[in-house]
Amino acid sequence: TAGEGSELEQGLCVIVDSFYRYAEGPPGAKALDQAAFQNLLSNELSHQLTVRPGYWHPKATRKLDANKDQKISFDEYWQLIAWICQVIRHRDYNE
């Protein structure tokens, strides 16, 4: 759980918790609809997304939505997190 373990372990819990605070649906099938996805981006990732101003707009859901169900599942959200980690790596560590 968050608050226990190393800084990295705590960070991973925060990433997972952030998804579930915005996701809706029955257990095991929670997902972000377009409005929830936009809220998550605005409230949780606005500083990271300034790397490409205006890039995240309503069509962003379709870019991440691998199964085209107009919702972002946890696995699809995880792809966004991986992309942001790559941006941070390139920006902050020149790799």
N, C-alpha and C. Protein backbone atom coordinates (compact mmCIF):
# COMPACT_ATOMS: atom_id res chain seq x y z
N THR A 1 0.82 -1.18 0.00
CA THR A 1 0.00 0.00 0.00
C THR A 1 0.87 1.25 0.00
N ALA A 2 0.30 2.36 -0.43
CA ALA A 2 1.03 3.62 -0.47
C ALA A 2 1.49 3.97 0.94
N GLY A 3 2.67 4.56 1.05
CA GLY A 3 3.20 4.93 2.34
C GLY A 3 4.13 3.89 2.92
N GLU A 4 4.16 2.72 2.36
CA GLU A 4 5.04 1.66 2.82
C GLU A 4 6.05 1.36 1.73
N GLY A 5 7.21 0.89 2.12
CA GLY A 5 8.22 0.48 1.14
C GLY A 5 9.08 1.64 0.68
N SER A 6 9.85 1.36 -0.35
CA SER A 6 10.79 2.34 -0.89
C SER A 6 10.05 3.47 -1.61
N GLU A 7 10.81 4.50 -1.94
CA GLU A 7 10.24 5.62 -2.70
C GLU A 7 9.67 5.13 -4.04
N LEU A 8 10.37 4.22 -4.69
CA LEU A 8 9.90 3.67 -5.96
C LEU A 8 8.60 2.89 -5.76
N GLU A 9 8.55 2.06 -4.73
CA GLU A 9 7.33 1.29 -4.47
C GLU A 9 6.15 2.21 -4.16
N GLN A 10 6.40 3.26 -3.41
CA GLN A 10 5.35 4.22 -3.11
C GLN A 10 4.89 4.92 -4.39
N GLY A 11 5.85 5.26 -5.26
CA GLY A 11 5.50 5.91 -6.54
C GLY A 11 4.63 5.02 -7.41
N LEU A 12 4.95 3.74 -7.45
CA LEU A 12 4.13 2.81 -8.24
C LEU A 12 2.71 2.74 -7.70
N CYS A 13 2.57 2.74 -6.38
CA CYS A 13 1.23 2.74 -5.78
C CYS A 13 0.47 4.01 -6.14
N VAL A 14 1.15 5.13 -6.18
CA VAL A 14 0.51 6.40 -6.55
C VAL A 14 0.02 6.34 -8.00
N ILE A 15 0.83 5.76 -8.89
CA ILE A 15 0.44 5.65 -10.30
C ILE A 15 -0.84 4.83 -10.43
N VAL A 16 -0.88 3.70 -9.76
CA VAL A 16 -2.07 2.84 -9.82
C VAL A 16 -3.27 3.54 -9.19
N ASP A 17 -3.07 4.13 -8.02
CA ASP A 17 -4.15 4.82 -7.32
C ASP A 17 -4.73 5.96 -8.16
N SER A 18 -3.86 6.68 -8.86
CA SER A 18 -4.33 7.79 -9.70
C SER A 18 -5.33 7.31 -10.75
N PHE A 19 -5.05 6.18 -11.37
CA PHE A 19 -5.98 5.64 -12.36
C PHE A 19 -7.34 5.34 -11.71
N TYR A 20 -7.31 4.63 -10.57
CA TYR A 20 -8.56 4.19 -9.97
C TYR A 20 -9.37 5.32 -9.33
N ARG A 21 -8.75 6.44 -9.01
CA ARG A 21 -9.51 7.58 -8.50
C ARG A 21 -10.39 8.17 -9.58
N TYR A 22 -10.02 8.02 -10.84
CA TYR A 22 -10.79 8.61 -11.95
C TYR A 22 -11.61 7.57 -12.72
N ALA A 23 -11.25 6.30 -12.61
CA ALA A 23 -11.91 5.25 -13.39
C ALA A 23 -13.29 4.93 -12.84
N GLU A 24 -14.15 4.48 -13.73
CA GLU A 24 -15.50 4.08 -13.37
C GLU A 24 -15.78 2.70 -13.94
N GLY A 25 -16.77 2.04 -13.36
CA GLY A 25 -17.18 0.73 -13.85
C GLY A 25 -17.08 -0.31 -12.76
N PRO A 26 -17.50 -1.54 -13.07
CA PRO A 26 -17.48 -2.61 -12.09
C PRO A 26 -16.04 -3.05 -11.79
N PRO A 27 -15.81 -3.63 -10.62
CA PRO A 27 -14.47 -4.14 -10.30
C PRO A 27 -13.97 -5.07 -11.41
N GLY A 28 -12.73 -4.93 -11.75
CA GLY A 28 -12.14 -5.76 -12.79
C GLY A 28 -12.35 -5.21 -14.19
N ALA A 29 -13.22 -4.22 -14.34
CA ALA A 29 -13.48 -3.66 -15.67
C ALA A 29 -13.48 -2.13 -15.62
N LYS A 30 -12.85 -1.57 -14.64
CA LYS A 30 -12.83 -0.11 -14.53
C LYS A 30 -12.03 0.49 -15.68
N ALA A 31 -12.49 1.65 -16.15
CA ALA A 31 -11.84 2.34 -17.26
C ALA A 31 -12.13 3.83 -17.15
N LEU A 32 -11.38 4.60 -17.92
CA LEU A 32 -11.57 6.04 -17.98
C LEU A 32 -12.36 6.38 -19.23
N ASP A 33 -13.52 7.03 -19.07
CA ASP A 33 -14.18 7.54 -20.27
C ASP A 33 -13.44 8.81 -20.67
N GLN A 34 -13.86 9.43 -21.75
CA GLN A 34 -13.14 10.59 -22.26
C GLN A 34 -13.08 11.72 -21.24
N ALA A 35 -14.18 12.00 -20.53
CA ALA A 35 -14.20 13.07 -19.54
C ALA A 35 -13.28 12.76 -18.37
N ALA A 36 -13.31 11.52 -17.88
CA ALA A 36 -12.45 11.13 -16.77
C ALA A 36 -10.98 11.18 -17.18
N PHE A 37 -10.70 10.76 -18.42
CA PHE A 37 -9.33 10.81 -18.94
C PHE A 37 -8.83 12.24 -19.00
N GLN A 38 -9.64 13.15 -19.49
CA GLN A 38 -9.26 14.56 -19.57
C GLN A 38 -9.05 15.13 -18.17
N ASN A 39 -9.89 14.75 -17.20
CA ASN A 39 -9.72 15.20 -15.83
C ASN A 39 -8.40 14.69 -15.24
N LEU A 40 -8.10 13.42 -15.47
CA LEU A 40 -6.85 12.87 -14.98
C LEU A 40 -5.66 13.63 -15.59
N LEU A 41 -5.69 13.85 -16.89
CA LEU A 41 -4.60 14.57 -17.55
C LEU A 41 -4.44 15.98 -16.98
N SER A 42 -5.55 16.68 -16.82
CA SER A 42 -5.50 18.05 -16.32
C SER A 42 -5.05 18.13 -14.87
N ASN A 43 -5.56 17.24 -14.05
CA ASN A 43 -5.30 17.31 -12.61
C ASN A 43 -4.01 16.63 -12.17
N GLU A 44 -3.59 15.61 -12.89
CA GLU A 44 -2.47 14.80 -12.43
C GLU A 44 -1.21 14.91 -13.31
N LEU A 45 -1.37 15.26 -14.57
CA LEU A 45 -0.23 15.20 -15.49
C LEU A 45 0.00 16.49 -16.25
N SER A 46 -0.58 17.57 -15.84
CA SER A 46 -0.50 18.80 -16.63
C SER A 46 0.93 19.29 -16.80
N HIS A 47 1.78 19.13 -15.81
CA HIS A 47 3.16 19.61 -15.94
C HIS A 47 3.98 18.73 -16.89
N GLN A 48 3.74 17.46 -16.90
CA GLN A 48 4.47 16.57 -17.79
C GLN A 48 4.01 16.74 -19.24
N LEU A 49 2.77 17.09 -19.42
CA LEU A 49 2.23 17.18 -20.77
C LEU A 49 2.52 18.51 -21.45
N THR A 50 3.17 19.42 -20.75
CA THR A 50 3.53 20.69 -21.38
C THR A 50 4.71 20.52 -22.33
N VAL A 51 5.29 19.33 -22.35
CA VAL A 51 6.39 19.06 -23.28
C VAL A 51 5.91 19.28 -24.72
N ARG A 52 4.67 18.95 -24.97
CA ARG A 52 4.07 19.14 -26.29
C ARG A 52 2.73 19.85 -26.11
N PRO A 53 2.76 21.17 -25.96
CA PRO A 53 1.51 21.91 -25.70
C PRO A 53 0.42 21.60 -26.72
N GLY A 54 -0.77 21.40 -26.22
CA GLY A 54 -1.90 21.15 -27.09
C GLY A 54 -1.98 19.75 -27.65
N TYR A 55 -1.02 18.90 -27.36
CA TYR A 55 -1.01 17.54 -27.90
C TYR A 55 -2.17 16.73 -27.37
N TRP A 56 -2.47 16.86 -26.09
CA TRP A 56 -3.54 16.07 -25.50
C TRP A 56 -4.86 16.81 -25.63
N HIS A 57 -5.69 16.30 -26.44
CA HIS A 57 -7.00 16.88 -26.70
C HIS A 57 -7.98 15.71 -26.79
N PRO A 58 -9.23 15.93 -27.04
CA PRO A 58 -10.19 14.82 -27.04
C PRO A 58 -9.78 13.64 -27.93
N LYS A 59 -9.04 13.87 -28.98
CA LYS A 59 -8.61 12.77 -29.85
C LYS A 59 -7.56 11.89 -29.20
N ALA A 60 -6.95 12.36 -28.09
CA ALA A 60 -5.92 11.57 -27.41
C ALA A 60 -6.47 10.24 -26.93
N THR A 61 -7.73 10.21 -26.54
CA THR A 61 -8.33 8.96 -26.11
C THR A 61 -8.22 7.92 -27.21
N ARG A 62 -8.47 8.33 -28.44
CA ARG A 62 -8.39 7.38 -29.57
C ARG A 62 -6.97 6.90 -29.80
N LYS A 63 -5.98 7.75 -29.55
CA LYS A 63 -4.59 7.36 -29.77
C LYS A 63 -4.16 6.26 -28.79
N LEU A 64 -4.65 6.31 -27.57
CA LEU A 64 -4.30 5.31 -26.56
C LEU A 64 -5.26 4.12 -26.55
N ASP A 65 -6.42 4.30 -27.10
CA ASP A 65 -7.50 3.31 -27.02
C ASP A 65 -7.25 2.16 -28.01
N ALA A 66 -6.41 1.22 -27.61
CA ALA A 66 -6.01 0.12 -28.49
C ALA A 66 -7.19 -0.72 -28.97
N ASN A 67 -8.18 -0.97 -28.11
CA ASN A 67 -9.30 -1.82 -28.51
C ASN A 67 -10.49 -1.03 -29.03
N LYS A 68 -10.34 0.29 -29.18
CA LYS A 68 -11.34 1.17 -29.79
C LYS A 68 -12.71 1.13 -29.10
N ASP A 69 -12.69 0.99 -27.75
CA ASP A 69 -13.97 0.99 -27.03
C ASP A 69 -14.32 2.36 -26.45
N GLN A 70 -13.55 3.38 -26.82
CA GLN A 70 -13.75 4.76 -26.39
C GLN A 70 -13.54 4.94 -24.89
N LYS A 71 -12.77 4.05 -24.30
CA LYS A 71 -12.40 4.13 -22.89
C LYS A 71 -10.92 3.78 -22.78
N ILE A 72 -10.29 4.28 -21.71
CA ILE A 72 -8.90 3.97 -21.46
C ILE A 72 -8.84 2.97 -20.30
N SER A 73 -8.41 1.75 -20.60
CA SER A 73 -8.25 0.72 -19.58
C SER A 73 -6.95 0.98 -18.81
N PHE A 74 -6.73 0.22 -17.75
CA PHE A 74 -5.48 0.39 -17.01
C PHE A 74 -4.28 0.07 -17.91
N ASP A 75 -4.37 -0.98 -18.72
CA ASP A 75 -3.26 -1.32 -19.61
C ASP A 75 -2.97 -0.19 -20.60
N GLU A 76 -4.01 0.44 -21.11
CA GLU A 76 -3.82 1.57 -22.03
C GLU A 76 -3.25 2.78 -21.29
N TYR A 77 -3.71 3.02 -20.08
CA TYR A 77 -3.17 4.08 -19.23
C TYR A 77 -1.68 3.84 -18.98
N TRP A 78 -1.33 2.59 -18.74
CA TRP A 78 0.06 2.25 -18.48
C TRP A 78 0.95 2.62 -19.67
N GLN A 79 0.43 2.52 -20.88
CA GLN A 79 1.19 2.94 -22.06
C GLN A 79 1.49 4.43 -22.01
N LEU A 80 0.54 5.23 -21.53
CA LEU A 80 0.76 6.66 -21.36
C LEU A 80 1.86 6.91 -20.34
N ILE A 81 1.82 6.18 -19.22
CA ILE A 81 2.83 6.34 -18.17
C ILE A 81 4.21 5.99 -18.73
N ALA A 82 4.30 4.91 -19.48
CA ALA A 82 5.58 4.52 -20.08
C ALA A 82 6.09 5.61 -21.02
N TRP A 83 5.19 6.19 -21.82
CA TRP A 83 5.59 7.25 -22.75
C TRP A 83 6.11 8.46 -21.98
N ILE A 84 5.42 8.84 -20.90
CA ILE A 84 5.86 9.98 -20.09
C ILE A 84 7.22 9.70 -19.46
N CYS A 85 7.43 8.47 -19.00
CA CYS A 85 8.75 8.11 -18.45
C CYS A 85 9.84 8.26 -19.51
N GLN A 86 9.54 7.89 -20.74
CA GLN A 86 10.52 8.07 -21.83
C GLN A 86 10.81 9.55 -22.06
N VAL A 87 9.78 10.37 -22.04
CA VAL A 87 9.96 11.82 -22.22
C VAL A 87 10.85 12.37 -21.11
N ILE A 88 10.58 11.98 -19.87
CA ILE A 88 11.39 12.43 -18.73
C ILE A 88 12.82 11.98 -18.91
N ARG A 89 13.01 10.74 -19.29
CA ARG A 89 14.36 10.20 -19.50
C ARG A 89 15.12 11.02 -20.52
N HIS A 90 14.51 11.30 -21.65
CA HIS A 90 15.18 12.06 -22.70
C HIS A 90 15.41 13.52 -22.27
N ARG A 91 14.42 14.09 -21.63
CA ARG A 91 14.52 15.50 -21.24
C ARG A 91 15.52 15.72 -20.11
N ASP A 92 15.46 14.89 -19.07
CA ASP A 92 16.23 15.14 -17.87
C ASP A 92 17.58 14.40 -17.82
N TYR A 93 17.72 13.35 -18.60
CA TYR A 93 18.94 12.55 -18.53
C TYR A 93 19.67 12.47 -19.87
N ASN A 94 19.18 13.23 -20.84
CA ASN A 94 19.83 13.34 -22.16
C ASN A 94 20.11 11.99 -22.80
N GLU A 95 19.20 11.07 -22.65
CA GLU A 95 19.38 9.75 -23.30
C GLU A 95 18.38 9.56 -24.40
